[in-house]
Amino acid sequence: MSQHGTAKPVTRAAVSLGRGLELKSPVLLASGTVSYGEELSQLCDLSKIGGIVTKAISLEPRTGNPPRRIAETPSGMINAIGLANVGVERFISEKVPFLRTLDTAVIVNIAGRSIDDYLEVVSRLDGVEGLSGYEINLSCPNVKGECMIMGVSRDATFEIVSELRKITPRHLMIKLTPNVTSISTIALAAQEAGADSVSLINTVVGMAVNYKTRRPLLKNITGGLSGPAIKPIALAKVWEVFKAVSIPIVGMGGIAGFEDAMEFILAGSTAVQIGTMNFVYPDIGEQVATAIEQYFSTPGATTLSEYRGSLITE
């Protein structure tokens, strides 16, 4: 792996998500799997990827759910972390100085208990330099009575995105849940309200138990299932949303390598996020970004924009 800061700019695979969010690579690292970037920067050349999405930030610090709150499952993992984070003020004072040093886009994931919470966090961050945009988390499945409620309602999604659009000129990416009847309906509401992009899918509600102890593996009982196990679900949702909206899609859910990322682009994703596999291979983002760049740099190869959404279904 090359040393941080020595990578050549990625150009053939560069993509735009709109409203000034330009990525040197379509590969992003997903919220909740890279913390605030500092630890991972020692294991992965972050200058080679398109960007990182920080751990969710809320108005006040949160301790999250009680342990046990993470468990391995077949082809994946299940978690109920509960959006534990340092809060917006400590994020600005303690985490942003390092994030400003990164030669890659920094997107801040934001969570809240109410619309006012989201608006307050964004308003505090808007004056902070070094941030590329916001991923609005309306779809966390393991925090009771909060963002998940907004993310399953078309009207609530439209309202919160509309209000956020009024107060920030920065890129708004809306993170969608698969735990709905029609994800395209929610995506359309986000688009109509002024979202610049949508990211999908967040984790799938799941459960793991121990038949010997007769107890669930998680203290929260249920949690969010992620990893390769959910990839077929994620691909289907990306394809559904791609046919419904005109704004860029950031696809995620079970991406474990180059081929997976290419499948998401084929299904309509402008960019992708790698999540759970960061825990297995900390430099997977760098590997996938390099492979995508090489693929589209091959003489005679199609361009990324031509390849995107070109799935043959007839």
C-alpha atoms as a PDB file:
ATOM      1  CA  MET A   1       0.000   0.000   0.000  1.00  0.00           C
ATOM      2  CA  SER A   2       1.335   3.411  -0.891  1.00  0.00           C
ATOM      3  CA  GLN A   3       1.962   6.007   1.785  1.00  0.00           C
ATOM      4  CA  HIS A   4      -0.714   8.578   2.486  1.00  0.00           C
ATOM      5  CA  GLY A   5      -0.443  11.622   0.233  1.00  0.00           C
ATOM      6  CA  THR A   6       1.664   9.984  -2.511  1.00  0.00           C
ATOM      7  CA  ALA A   7      -1.169   8.600  -4.650  1.00  0.00           C
ATOM      8  CA  LYS A   8      -1.692   9.957  -8.139  1.00  0.00           C
ATOM      9  CA  PRO A   9      -5.074  11.596  -8.670  1.00  0.00           C
ATOM     10  CA  VAL A  10      -7.799   9.237  -9.834  1.00  0.00           C
ATOM     11  CA  THR A  11      -9.322  10.722 -12.976  1.00  0.00           C
ATOM     12  CA  ARG A  12     -10.887   8.129 -15.292  1.00  0.00           C
ATOM     13  CA  ALA A  13     -13.300   7.067 -12.556  1.00  0.00           C
ATOM     14  CA  ALA A  14     -14.074  10.539 -11.205  1.00  0.00           C
ATOM     15  CA  VAL A  15     -17.771  11.227 -10.609  1.00  0.00           C
ATOM     16  CA  SER A  16     -19.959  14.159  -9.632  1.00  0.00           C
ATOM     17  CA  LEU A  17     -22.799  13.860  -7.137  1.00  0.00           C
ATOM     18  CA  GLY A  18     -23.949  17.427  -7.766  1.00  0.00           C
ATOM     19  CA  ARG A  19     -23.925  20.712  -5.857  1.00  0.00           C
ATOM     20  CA  GLY A  20     -20.146  20.831  -5.786  1.00  0.00           C
ATOM     21  CA  LEU A  21     -19.532  17.315  -4.478  1.00  0.00           C
ATOM     22  CA  GLU A  22     -16.883  16.026  -6.900  1.00  0.00           C
ATOM     23  CA  LEU A  23     -15.265  12.663  -6.163  1.00  0.00           C
ATOM     24  CA  LYS A  24     -11.938  11.490  -7.589  1.00  0.00           C
ATOM     25  CA  SER A  25     -13.284   7.930  -7.308  1.00  0.00           C
ATOM     26  CA  PRO A  26     -16.804   6.501  -6.950  1.00  0.00           C
ATOM     27  CA  VAL A  27     -15.703   4.648  -3.799  1.00  0.00           C
ATOM     28  CA  LEU A  28     -16.777   6.003  -0.420  1.00  0.00           C
ATOM     29  CA  LEU A  29     -16.408   4.394   3.004  1.00  0.00           C
ATOM     30  CA  ALA A  30     -19.684   4.073   4.865  1.00  0.00           C
ATOM     31  CA  SER A  31     -20.740   5.691   8.109  1.00  0.00           C
ATOM     32  CA  GLY A  32     -20.279   3.646  11.240  1.00  0.00           C
ATOM     33  CA  THR A  33     -17.383   1.625   9.848  1.00  0.00           C
ATOM     34  CA  VAL A  34     -14.596   4.222   9.723  1.00  0.00           C
ATOM     35  CA  SER A  35     -15.298   6.233  12.902  1.00  0.00           C
ATOM     36  CA  TYR A  36     -13.900   9.708  12.155  1.00  0.00           C
ATOM     37  CA  GLY A  37     -11.205   8.481   9.793  1.00  0.00           C
ATOM     38  CA  GLU A  38      -8.094   8.807  11.927  1.00  0.00           C
ATOM     39  CA  GLU A  39      -7.570   5.159  12.815  1.00  0.00           C
ATOM     40  CA  LEU A  40      -8.280   3.902   9.303  1.00  0.00           C
ATOM     41  CA  SER A  41      -5.904   6.430   7.761  1.00  0.00           C
ATOM     42  CA  GLN A  42      -3.047   4.370   9.213  1.00  0.00           C
ATOM     43  CA  LEU A  43      -4.183   1.294   7.263  1.00  0.00           C
ATOM     44  CA  CYS A  44      -5.621   2.699   4.036  1.00  0.00           C
ATOM     45  CA  ASP A  45      -4.471   5.455   1.690  1.00  0.00           C
ATOM     46  CA  LEU A  46      -7.592   7.585   1.913  1.00  0.00           C
ATOM     47  CA  SER A  47      -6.301   9.905  -0.818  1.00  0.00           C
ATOM     48  CA  LYS A  48      -7.062   7.158  -3.352  1.00  0.00           C
ATOM     49  CA  ILE A  49     -10.758   6.916  -2.579  1.00  0.00           C
ATOM     50  CA  GLY A  50     -13.619   9.293  -3.266  1.00  0.00           C
ATOM     51  CA  GLY A  51     -14.344  10.090   0.355  1.00  0.00           C
ATOM     52  CA  ILE A  52     -15.403   8.944   3.785  1.00  0.00           C
ATOM     53  CA  VAL A  53     -18.741   9.245   5.528  1.00  0.00           C
ATOM     54  CA  THR A  54     -18.210   9.924   9.210  1.00  0.00           C
ATOM     55  CA  LYS A  55     -19.838   8.169  12.107  1.00  0.00           C
ATOM     56  CA  ALA A  56     -23.291   9.635  12.747  1.00  0.00           C
ATOM     57  CA  ILE A  57     -23.271  12.957  14.580  1.00  0.00           C
ATOM     58  CA  SER A  58     -26.148  14.056  16.795  1.00  0.00           C
ATOM     59  CA  LEU A  59     -26.846  17.298  18.625  1.00  0.00           C
ATOM     60  CA  GLU A  60     -25.754  15.936  21.999  1.00  0.00           C
ATOM     61  CA  PRO A  61     -23.234  13.174  22.804  1.00  0.00           C
ATOM     62  CA  ARG A  62     -24.731   9.687  22.928  1.00  0.00           C
ATOM     63  CA  THR A  63     -23.556   6.530  24.648  1.00  0.00           C
ATOM     64  CA  GLY A  64     -25.682   4.295  22.432  1.00  0.00           C
ATOM     65  CA  ASN A  65     -27.349   1.039  23.351  1.00  0.00           C
ATOM     66  CA  PRO A  66     -26.040  -1.199  26.163  1.00  0.00           C
ATOM     67  CA  PRO A  67     -23.823  -4.163  25.179  1.00  0.00           C
ATOM     68  CA  ARG A  68     -23.835  -6.705  23.722  1.00  0.00           C
ATOM     69  CA  ARG A  69     -24.502  -4.641  20.620  1.00  0.00           C
ATOM     70  CA  ILE A  70     -22.696  -6.393  17.781  1.00  0.00           C
ATOM     71  CA  ALA A  71     -22.605 -10.029  16.663  1.00  0.00           C
ATOM     72  CA  GLU A  72     -21.395 -11.999  13.669  1.00  0.00           C
ATOM     73  CA  THR A  73     -23.980 -13.730  11.475  1.00  0.00           C
ATOM     74  CA  PRO A  74     -23.647 -15.951   8.401  1.00  0.00           C
ATOM     75  CA  SER A  75     -22.146 -13.780   5.609  1.00  0.00           C
ATOM     76  CA  GLY A  76     -22.490 -10.631   7.670  1.00  0.00           C
ATOM     77  CA  MET A  77     -22.965  -9.003  11.022  1.00  0.00           C
ATOM     78  CA  ILE A  78     -25.786  -7.551  13.063  1.00  0.00           C
ATOM     79  CA  ASN A  79     -25.438  -4.440  15.193  1.00  0.00           C
ATOM     80  CA  ALA A  80     -27.428  -2.267  17.543  1.00  0.00           C
ATOM     81  CA  ILE A  81     -24.812   0.344  18.384  1.00  0.00           C
ATOM     82  CA  GLY A  82     -27.502   2.998  18.779  1.00  0.00           C
ATOM     83  CA  LEU A  83     -25.689   5.921  17.121  1.00  0.00           C
ATOM     84  CA  ALA A  84     -23.111   6.386  19.878  1.00  0.00           C
ATOM     85  CA  ASN A  85     -21.093   9.513  19.102  1.00  0.00           C
ATOM     86  CA  VAL A  86     -19.300  12.530  20.593  1.00  0.00           C
ATOM     87  CA  GLY A  87     -21.961  15.111  19.694  1.00  0.00           C
ATOM     88  CA  VAL A  88     -21.668  18.026  17.295  1.00  0.00           C
ATOM     89  CA  GLU A  89     -19.604  20.375  19.470  1.00  0.00           C
ATOM     90  CA  ARG A  90     -16.887  17.839  20.256  1.00  0.00           C
ATOM     91  CA  PHE A  91     -16.971  16.705  16.635  1.00  0.00           C
ATOM     92  CA  ILE A  92     -16.171  20.247  15.518  1.00  0.00           C
ATOM     93  CA  SER A  93     -13.433  20.812  18.103  1.00  0.00           C
ATOM     94  CA  GLU A  94     -11.857  17.355  18.263  1.00  0.00           C
ATOM     95  CA  LYS A  95     -12.504  15.567  14.957  1.00  0.00           C
ATOM     96  CA  VAL A  96     -12.729  18.201  12.226  1.00  0.00           C
ATOM     97  CA  PRO A  97      -9.080  19.373  12.529  1.00  0.00           C
ATOM     98  CA  PHE A  98      -7.887  15.927  11.446  1.00  0.00           C
ATOM     99  CA  LEU A  99     -10.587  15.537   8.804  1.00  0.00           C
ATOM    100  CA  ARG A 100      -9.403  18.782   7.197  1.00  0.00           C
ATOM    101  CA  THR A 101      -6.012  17.184   6.533  1.00  0.00           C
ATOM    102  CA  LEU A 102      -7.458  14.433   4.348  1.00  0.00           C
ATOM    103  CA  ASP A 103      -7.056  14.607   0.594  1.00  0.00           C
ATOM    104  CA  THR A 104     -10.530  13.237   0.017  1.00  0.00           C
ATOM    105  CA  ALA A 105     -14.159  14.288   0.426  1.00  0.00           C
ATOM    106  CA  VAL A 106     -15.571  14.331   3.960  1.00  0.00           C
ATOM    107  CA  ILE A 107     -19.311  13.753   4.250  1.00  0.00           C
ATOM    108  CA  VAL A 108     -20.861  14.043   7.706  1.00  0.00           C
ATOM    109  CA  ASN A 109     -23.599  11.589   8.611  1.00  0.00           C
ATOM    110  CA  ILE A 110     -26.253  13.298  10.748  1.00  0.00           C
ATOM    111  CA  ALA A 111     -28.898  11.730  12.998  1.00  0.00           C
ATOM    112  CA  GLY A 112     -31.526  13.234  15.266  1.00  0.00           C
ATOM    113  CA  ARG A 113     -34.565  12.717  17.437  1.00  0.00           C
ATOM    114  CA  SER A 114     -36.580  15.420  15.679  1.00  0.00           C
ATOM    115  CA  ILE A 115     -36.513  17.751  12.692  1.00  0.00           C
ATOM    116  CA  ASP A 116     -35.236  20.503  14.976  1.00  0.00           C
ATOM    117  CA  ASP A 117     -32.269  18.309  15.940  1.00  0.00           C
ATOM    118  CA  TYR A 118     -31.267  17.815  12.303  1.00  0.00           C
ATOM    119  CA  LEU A 119     -31.642  21.519  11.552  1.00  0.00           C
ATOM    120  CA  GLU A 120     -29.567  22.537  14.567  1.00  0.00           C
ATOM    121  CA  VAL A 121     -26.718  20.142  13.750  1.00  0.00           C
ATOM    122  CA  VAL A 122     -26.579  21.250  10.113  1.00  0.00           C
ATOM    123  CA  SER A 123     -26.708  24.925  11.071  1.00  0.00           C
ATOM    124  CA  ARG A 124     -23.742  24.461  13.434  1.00  0.00           C
ATOM    125  CA  LEU A 125     -21.739  22.547  10.838  1.00  0.00           C
ATOM    126  CA  ASP A 126     -22.474  24.872   7.933  1.00  0.00           C
ATOM    127  CA  GLY A 127     -19.940  27.423   9.114  1.00  0.00           C
ATOM    128  CA  VAL A 128     -17.222  24.807   9.542  1.00  0.00           C
ATOM    129  CA  GLU A 129     -14.662  24.574   6.747  1.00  0.00           C
ATOM    130  CA  GLY A 130     -13.369  21.294   5.364  1.00  0.00           C
ATOM    131  CA  LEU A 131     -16.678  19.432   5.048  1.00  0.00           C
ATOM    132  CA  SER A 132     -18.027  18.365   1.651  1.00  0.00           C
ATOM    133  CA  GLY A 133     -21.660  17.666   2.464  1.00  0.00           C
ATOM    134  CA  TYR A 134     -24.106  15.807   4.682  1.00  0.00           C
ATOM    135  CA  GLU A 135     -25.603  12.330   4.650  1.00  0.00           C
ATOM    136  CA  ILE A 136     -28.928  12.640   6.450  1.00  0.00           C
ATOM    137  CA  ASN A 137     -29.635   9.434   8.332  1.00  0.00           C
ATOM    138  CA  LEU A 138     -33.381   8.846   8.193  1.00  0.00           C
ATOM    139  CA  SER A 139     -33.079   5.102   8.400  1.00  0.00           C
ATOM    140  CA  CYS A 140     -31.273   3.716  11.435  1.00  0.00           C
ATOM    141  CA  PRO A 141     -33.168   0.552  12.459  1.00  0.00           C
ATOM    142  CA  ASN A 142     -31.796   0.183  15.994  1.00  0.00           C
ATOM    143  CA  VAL A 143     -32.720   3.476  17.645  1.00  0.00           C
ATOM    144  CA  LYS A 144     -36.272   3.282  18.919  1.00  0.00           C
ATOM    145  CA  GLY A 145     -38.674   6.067  17.990  1.00  0.00           C
ATOM    146  CA  GLU A 146     -36.222   8.313  16.144  1.00  0.00           C
ATOM    147  CA  CYS A 147     -34.831   8.628  12.624  1.00  0.00           C
ATOM    148  CA  MET A 148     -36.339   5.353  11.438  1.00  0.00           C
ATOM    149  CA  ILE A 149     -39.837   6.786  11.904  1.00  0.00           C
ATOM    150  CA  MET A 150     -39.034   9.661   9.544  1.00  0.00           C
ATOM    151  CA  GLY A 151     -37.409   7.416   6.960  1.00  0.00           C
ATOM    152  CA  VAL A 152     -40.442   5.194   6.461  1.00  0.00           C
ATOM    153  CA  SER A 153     -42.823   8.105   5.813  1.00  0.00           C
ATOM    154  CA  ARG A 154     -43.012   9.900   2.486  1.00  0.00           C
ATOM    155  CA  ASP A 155     -44.453  13.036   4.065  1.00  0.00           C
ATOM    156  CA  ALA A 156     -41.929  13.132   6.919  1.00  0.00           C
ATOM    157  CA  THR A 157     -39.056  12.629   4.481  1.00  0.00           C
ATOM    158  CA  PHE A 158     -40.317  15.457   2.270  1.00  0.00           C
ATOM    159  CA  GLU A 159     -40.714  17.773   5.265  1.00  0.00           C
ATOM    160  CA  ILE A 160     -37.272  17.261   6.770  1.00  0.00           C
ATOM    161  CA  VAL A 161     -35.444  17.482   3.445  1.00  0.00           C
ATOM    162  CA  SER A 162     -37.373  20.633   2.531  1.00  0.00           C
ATOM    163  CA  GLU A 163     -36.427  22.285   5.805  1.00  0.00           C
ATOM    164  CA  LEU A 164     -32.790  21.276   5.488  1.00  0.00           C
ATOM    165  CA  ARG A 165     -32.640  22.535   1.924  1.00  0.00           C
ATOM    166  CA  LYS A 166     -33.690  25.988   3.132  1.00  0.00           C
ATOM    167  CA  ILE A 167     -30.746  26.359   5.490  1.00  0.00           C
ATOM    168  CA  THR A 168     -27.732  24.837   3.717  1.00  0.00           C
ATOM    169  CA  PRO A 169     -26.074  25.294   0.329  1.00  0.00           C
ATOM    170  CA  ARG A 170     -24.081  22.104   0.855  1.00  0.00           C
ATOM    171  CA  HIS A 171     -24.758  18.728  -0.715  1.00  0.00           C
ATOM    172  CA  LEU A 172     -27.621  16.796   0.884  1.00  0.00           C
ATOM    173  CA  MET A 173     -27.482  13.015   0.577  1.00  0.00           C
ATOM    174  CA  ILE A 174     -30.467  11.209   2.073  1.00  0.00           C
ATOM    175  CA  LYS A 175     -29.843   7.721   3.447  1.00  0.00           C
ATOM    176  CA  LEU A 176     -32.766   5.381   2.799  1.00  0.00           C
ATOM    177  CA  THR A 177     -33.972   2.276   4.586  1.00  0.00           C
ATOM    178  CA  PRO A 178     -34.973  -0.969   2.832  1.00  0.00           C
ATOM    179  CA  ASN A 179     -37.487  -1.601   5.619  1.00  0.00           C
ATOM    180  CA  VAL A 180     -40.367  -0.001   3.727  1.00  0.00           C
ATOM    181  CA  THR A 181     -43.036  -1.103   1.257  1.00  0.00           C
ATOM    182  CA  SER A 182     -41.795   1.197  -1.528  1.00  0.00           C
ATOM    183  CA  ILE A 183     -38.304   2.636  -1.298  1.00  0.00           C
ATOM    184  CA  SER A 184     -38.741   4.471  -4.612  1.00  0.00           C
ATOM    185  CA  THR A 185     -41.633   6.451  -3.120  1.00  0.00           C
ATOM    186  CA  ILE A 186     -39.386   7.676  -0.307  1.00  0.00           C
ATOM    187  CA  ALA A 187     -36.576   8.441  -2.773  1.00  0.00           C
ATOM    188  CA  LEU A 188     -38.918  10.504  -4.937  1.00  0.00           C
ATOM    189  CA  ALA A 189     -40.047  12.481  -1.903  1.00  0.00           C
ATOM    190  CA  ALA A 190     -36.418  13.264  -1.081  1.00  0.00           C
ATOM    191  CA  GLN A 191     -35.743  14.340  -4.664  1.00  0.00           C
ATOM    192  CA  GLU A 192     -38.830  16.549  -4.839  1.00  0.00           C
ATOM    193  CA  ALA A 193     -37.845  18.220  -1.557  1.00  0.00           C
ATOM    194  CA  GLY A 194     -34.416  19.190  -2.854  1.00  0.00           C
ATOM    195  CA  ALA A 195     -32.054  16.310  -2.081  1.00  0.00           C
ATOM    196  CA  ASP A 196     -28.940  16.190  -4.242  1.00  0.00           C
ATOM    197  CA  SER A 197     -28.505  12.418  -3.961  1.00  0.00           C
ATOM    198  CA  VAL A 198     -29.803   9.369  -2.120  1.00  0.00           C
ATOM    199  CA  SER A 199     -27.757   6.599  -0.502  1.00  0.00           C
ATOM    200  CA  LEU A 200     -29.106   3.087  -0.113  1.00  0.00           C
ATOM    201  CA  ILE A 201     -29.517   0.733   1.497  1.00  0.00           C
ATOM    202  CA  ASN A 202     -29.100   1.099   5.209  1.00  0.00           C
ATOM    203  CA  THR A 203     -29.102  -2.121   7.208  1.00  0.00           C
ATOM    204  CA  VAL A 204     -31.960  -4.612   7.159  1.00  0.00           C
ATOM    205  CA  VAL A 205     -33.779  -5.280  10.436  1.00  0.00           C
ATOM    206  CA  GLY A 206     -32.648  -8.663  11.728  1.00  0.00           C
ATOM    207  CA  MET A 207     -32.272 -10.824  14.782  1.00  0.00           C
ATOM    208  CA  ALA A 208     -29.862 -13.472  16.060  1.00  0.00           C
ATOM    209  CA  VAL A 209     -30.473 -15.885  18.934  1.00  0.00           C
ATOM    210  CA  ASN A 210     -28.716 -18.620  20.885  1.00  0.00           C
ATOM    211  CA  TYR A 211     -30.921 -21.668  21.054  1.00  0.00           C
ATOM    212  CA  LYS A 212     -29.046 -23.080  24.055  1.00  0.00           C
ATOM    213  CA  THR A 213     -29.432 -20.031  26.284  1.00  0.00           C
ATOM    214  CA  ARG A 214     -32.768 -19.093  24.683  1.00  0.00           C
ATOM    215  CA  ARG A 215     -31.557 -15.506  24.528  1.00  0.00           C
ATOM    216  CA  PRO A 216     -31.012 -13.026  21.714  1.00  0.00           C
ATOM    217  CA  LEU A 217     -27.380 -12.260  20.899  1.00  0.00           C
ATOM    218  CA  LEU A 218     -28.023  -8.522  21.128  1.00  0.00           C
ATOM    219  CA  LYS A 219     -29.220  -6.738  24.260  1.00  0.00           C
ATOM    220  CA  ASN A 220     -31.486  -4.690  21.963  1.00  0.00           C
ATOM    221  CA  ILE A 221     -32.936  -8.016  20.661  1.00  0.00           C
ATOM    222  CA  THR A 222     -33.064  -6.817  17.042  1.00  0.00           C
ATOM    223  CA  GLY A 223     -30.470  -4.884  15.088  1.00  0.00           C
ATOM    224  CA  GLY A 224     -29.279  -3.942  11.647  1.00  0.00           C
ATOM    225  CA  LEU A 225     -28.024  -6.747   9.399  1.00  0.00           C
ATOM    226  CA  SER A 226     -25.192  -5.810   7.027  1.00  0.00           C
ATOM    227  CA  GLY A 227     -22.510  -7.490   4.938  1.00  0.00           C
ATOM    228  CA  PRO A 228     -22.636  -9.769   1.871  1.00  0.00           C
ATOM    229  CA  ALA A 229     -25.857 -11.388   3.109  1.00  0.00           C
ATOM    230  CA  ILE A 230     -27.870  -8.300   2.121  1.00  0.00           C
ATOM    231  CA  LYS A 231     -26.272  -7.606  -1.281  1.00  0.00           C
ATOM    232  CA  PRO A 232     -29.117  -9.071  -3.415  1.00  0.00           C
ATOM    233  CA  ILE A 233     -31.622  -6.933  -1.495  1.00  0.00           C
ATOM    234  CA  ALA A 234     -29.470  -3.834  -1.935  1.00  0.00           C
ATOM    235  CA  LEU A 235     -29.032  -4.360  -5.672  1.00  0.00           C
ATOM    236  CA  ALA A 236     -32.781  -4.756  -6.153  1.00  0.00           C
ATOM    237  CA  LYS A 237     -33.478  -1.549  -4.227  1.00  0.00           C
ATOM    238  CA  VAL A 238     -30.839   0.421  -6.153  1.00  0.00           C
ATOM    239  CA  TRP A 239     -32.336  -0.749  -9.458  1.00  0.00           C
ATOM    240  CA  GLU A 240     -35.838   0.181  -8.286  1.00  0.00           C
ATOM    241  CA  VAL A 241     -34.761   3.677  -7.242  1.00  0.00           C
ATOM    242  CA  PHE A 242     -32.641   4.188 -10.373  1.00  0.00           C
ATOM    243  CA  LYS A 243     -35.760   3.738 -12.504  1.00  0.00           C
ATOM    244  CA  ALA A 244     -37.673   6.285 -10.390  1.00  0.00           C
ATOM    245  CA  VAL A 245     -35.366   9.246  -9.713  1.00  0.00           C
ATOM    246  CA  SER A 246     -33.063  11.512 -11.694  1.00  0.00           C
ATOM    247  CA  ILE A 247     -30.634  12.455  -8.905  1.00  0.00           C
ATOM    248  CA  PRO A 248     -27.455  10.402  -8.271  1.00  0.00           C
ATOM    249  CA  ILE A 249     -27.631   7.197  -6.265  1.00  0.00           C
ATOM    250  CA  VAL A 250     -24.927   6.048  -3.866  1.00  0.00           C
ATOM    251  CA  GLY A 251     -25.321   2.287  -3.574  1.00  0.00           C
ATOM    252  CA  MET A 252     -24.269   0.130  -0.647  1.00  0.00           C
ATOM    253  CA  GLY A 253     -25.036  -3.140   1.060  1.00  0.00           C
ATOM    254  CA  GLY A 254     -22.683  -6.102   1.039  1.00  0.00           C
ATOM    255  CA  ILE A 255     -19.944  -4.759  -1.218  1.00  0.00           C
ATOM    256  CA  ALA A 256     -16.938  -7.011  -0.617  1.00  0.00           C
ATOM    257  CA  GLY A 257     -14.755  -6.274  -3.637  1.00  0.00           C
ATOM    258  CA  PHE A 258     -14.356  -4.835  -7.127  1.00  0.00           C
ATOM    259  CA  GLU A 259     -16.970  -7.038  -8.796  1.00  0.00           C
ATOM    260  CA  ASP A 260     -19.615  -6.130  -6.225  1.00  0.00           C
ATOM    261  CA  ALA A 261     -18.949  -2.415  -6.712  1.00  0.00           C
ATOM    262  CA  MET A 262     -19.233  -2.804 -10.485  1.00  0.00           C
ATOM    263  CA  GLU A 263     -22.573  -4.574 -10.092  1.00  0.00           C
ATOM    264  CA  PHE A 264     -23.933  -1.631  -8.113  1.00  0.00           C
ATOM    265  CA  ILE A 265     -22.745   0.814 -10.784  1.00  0.00           C
ATOM    266  CA  LEU A 266     -24.347  -1.364 -13.451  1.00  0.00           C
ATOM    267  CA  ALA A 267     -27.619  -1.253 -11.503  1.00  0.00           C
ATOM    268  CA  GLY A 268     -27.549   2.550 -11.489  1.00  0.00           C
ATOM    269  CA  SER A 269     -25.222   3.771  -8.734  1.00  0.00           C
ATOM    270  CA  THR A 270     -23.125   6.838  -9.446  1.00  0.00           C
ATOM    271  CA  ALA A 271     -20.967   5.989  -6.435  1.00  0.00           C
ATOM    272  CA  VAL A 272     -20.810   3.210  -3.860  1.00  0.00           C
ATOM    273  CA  GLN A 273     -20.129   2.906  -0.155  1.00  0.00           C
ATOM    274  CA  ILE A 274     -18.188   0.064   1.437  1.00  0.00           C
ATOM    275  CA  GLY A 275     -19.168  -0.686   5.013  1.00  0.00           C
ATOM    276  CA  THR A 276     -18.896  -3.964   6.897  1.00  0.00           C
ATOM    277  CA  MET A 277     -15.921  -5.238   4.890  1.00  0.00           C
ATOM    278  CA  ASN A 278     -13.794  -2.386   6.259  1.00  0.00           C
ATOM    279  CA  PHE A 279     -13.669  -4.429   9.475  1.00  0.00           C
ATOM    280  CA  VAL A 280     -12.249  -7.406   7.566  1.00  0.00           C
ATOM    281  CA  TYR A 281      -9.934  -5.647   5.109  1.00  0.00           C
ATOM    282  CA  PRO A 282      -9.176  -2.094   6.300  1.00  0.00           C
ATOM    283  CA  ASP A 283      -7.672  -1.145   2.918  1.00  0.00           C
ATOM    284  CA  ILE A 284     -10.525  -2.544   0.820  1.00  0.00           C
ATOM    285  CA  GLY A 285     -11.611   0.942  -0.227  1.00  0.00           C
ATOM    286  CA  GLU A 286      -8.188   1.632  -1.700  1.00  0.00           C
ATOM    287  CA  GLN A 287      -8.153  -1.754  -3.449  1.00  0.00           C
ATOM    288  CA  VAL A 288     -11.587  -1.315  -5.014  1.00  0.00           C
ATOM    289  CA  ALA A 289     -10.919   2.287  -6.071  1.00  0.00           C
ATOM    290  CA  THR A 290      -7.673   1.240  -7.763  1.00  0.00           C
ATOM    291  CA  ALA A 291      -9.372  -1.666  -9.562  1.00  0.00           C
ATOM    292  CA  ILE A 292     -12.198   0.554 -10.827  1.00  0.00           C
ATOM    293  CA  GLU A 293      -9.709   3.137 -12.087  1.00  0.00           C
ATOM    294  CA  GLN A 294      -7.746   0.450 -13.907  1.00  0.00           C
ATOM    295  CA  TYR A 295     -10.883  -1.029 -15.461  1.00  0.00           C
ATOM    296  CA  PHE A 296     -12.067   2.245 -16.956  1.00  0.00           C
ATOM    297  CA  SER A 297      -8.518   3.188 -18.023  1.00  0.00           C
ATOM    298  CA  THR A 298      -8.134   0.099 -20.212  1.00  0.00           C
ATOM    299  CA  PRO A 299      -7.812   1.100 -23.889  1.00  0.00           C
ATOM    300  CA  GLY A 300     -11.181   0.784 -25.589  1.00  0.00           C
ATOM    301  CA  ALA A 301     -13.098   0.476 -22.315  1.00  0.00           C
ATOM    302  CA  THR A 302     -16.462   2.176 -21.942  1.00  0.00           C
ATOM    303  CA  THR A 303     -16.664   5.227 -19.707  1.00  0.00           C
ATOM    304  CA  LEU A 304     -18.059   4.972 -16.217  1.00  0.00           C
ATOM    305  CA  SER A 305     -21.005   7.210 -17.102  1.00  0.00           C
ATOM    306  CA  GLU A 306     -21.869   4.977 -20.078  1.00  0.00           C
ATOM    307  CA  TYR A 307     -21.580   1.855 -17.956  1.00  0.00           C
ATOM    308  CA  ARG A 308     -23.757   3.215 -15.168  1.00  0.00           C
ATOM    309  CA  GLY A 309     -27.289   1.842 -15.269  1.00  0.00           C
ATOM    310  CA  SER A 310     -26.646  -0.114 -18.485  1.00  0.00           C
ATOM    311  CA  LEU A 311     -28.045  -3.364 -17.122  1.00  0.00           C
ATOM    312  CA  ILE A 312     -29.534  -5.441 -19.966  1.00  0.00           C
ATOM    313  CA  THR A 313     -32.923  -6.769 -18.910  1.00  0.00           C
ATOM    314  CA  GLU A 314     -34.364  -7.958 -22.219  1.00  0.00           C
END
